Protein backbone atom coordinates (compact mmCIF):
# COMPACT_ATOMS: atom_id res chain seq x y z
CA UNK A 1 -0.47 22.54 -21.12
CA UNK A 2 -2.14 19.49 -22.49
CA UNK A 3 -4.73 17.35 -20.76
CA UNK A 4 -2.05 14.69 -20.21
CA UNK A 5 0.23 17.25 -18.54
CA UNK A 6 -2.53 18.29 -16.17
CA UNK A 7 -3.32 14.66 -15.40
CA UNK A 8 0.33 13.90 -14.56
CA UNK A 9 0.43 16.83 -12.14
CA UNK A 10 -2.91 15.86 -10.59
CA UNK A 11 -1.68 12.29 -10.12
CA UNK A 12 1.62 13.44 -8.57
CA UNK A 13 -0.26 15.70 -6.20
CA UNK A 14 -2.53 12.80 -5.25
CA UNK A 15 0.56 10.76 -4.38
CA UNK A 16 1.79 13.62 -2.19
CA UNK A 17 -1.63 13.93 -0.54
CA UNK A 18 -1.77 10.19 0.18
CA UNK A 19 1.76 10.11 1.59
CA UNK A 20 1.17 13.18 3.73
CA UNK A 21 -2.08 11.77 5.12
CA UNK A 22 -0.28 8.54 5.97
CA UNK A 23 2.46 10.45 7.76
CA UNK A 24 -0.13 12.49 9.66
CA UNK A 25 -1.83 9.29 10.79
CA UNK A 26 1.50 7.92 12.04
CA UNK A 27 2.15 11.19 13.88
CA UNK A 28 -1.25 10.99 15.56
CA UNK A 29 -0.96 7.29 16.43
CA UNK A 30 2.43 7.71 18.06
CA UNK A 31 1.63 10.98 19.87
CA UNK A 32 4.17 12.88 17.82
CA UNK A 33 1.50 15.42 16.88
CA UNK A 34 1.84 16.76 20.43
CA UNK A 35 5.58 16.22 20.91
CA UNK A 36 6.49 17.68 17.51
CA UNK A 37 3.63 20.10 17.00
CA UNK A 38 5.58 22.41 14.67
CA UNK A 39 6.38 19.55 12.31
CA UNK A 40 2.80 18.34 12.52
CA UNK A 41 1.56 21.82 11.56
CA UNK A 42 3.97 21.87 8.60
CA UNK A 43 2.53 18.55 7.42
CA UNK A 44 -0.98 20.02 7.65
CA UNK A 45 0.18 23.00 5.57
CA UNK A 46 1.70 20.69 2.94
CA UNK A 47 -1.56 18.75 2.76
CA UNK A 48 -3.62 21.93 2.46
CA UNK A 49 -1.45 23.33 -0.32
CA UNK A 50 -1.39 20.05 -2.25
CA UNK A 51 -5.18 19.80 -2.12
CA UNK A 52 -5.56 23.40 -3.28
CA UNK A 53 -3.08 22.92 -6.14
CA UNK A 54 -4.73 19.69 -7.20
CA UNK A 55 -8.10 21.44 -7.30
CA UNK A 56 -6.66 24.30 -9.39
CA UNK A 57 -5.13 21.89 -11.90
CA UNK A 58 -8.31 19.85 -12.08
CA UNK A 59 -10.38 22.95 -12.82
CA UNK A 60 -7.86 24.10 -15.45
CA UNK A 61 -7.96 20.69 -17.11
CA UNK A 62 -11.76 20.70 -17.12
CA UNK A 63 -11.77 24.14 -18.75
CA UNK A 64 -9.34 22.83 -21.40
CA UNK A 65 -11.43 19.74 -22.08
CA UNK A 66 -14.65 21.77 -22.14
CA UNK A 67 -13.52 23.95 -25.04
């Protein structure tokens, strides 16, 4: 993959992270985190995975650029 490919993926993951964090905030503000705890946990899992994937792609891009 090229540096541009990595950057597109990193940017898309950042969009997902931002949207998920916004949704989590709305859940917490409205009390849905308690009423819909399973869905809230799924959102936390999505956020965790997106952050991990973004980190992996960032490190891979840095290795590519560092060559």
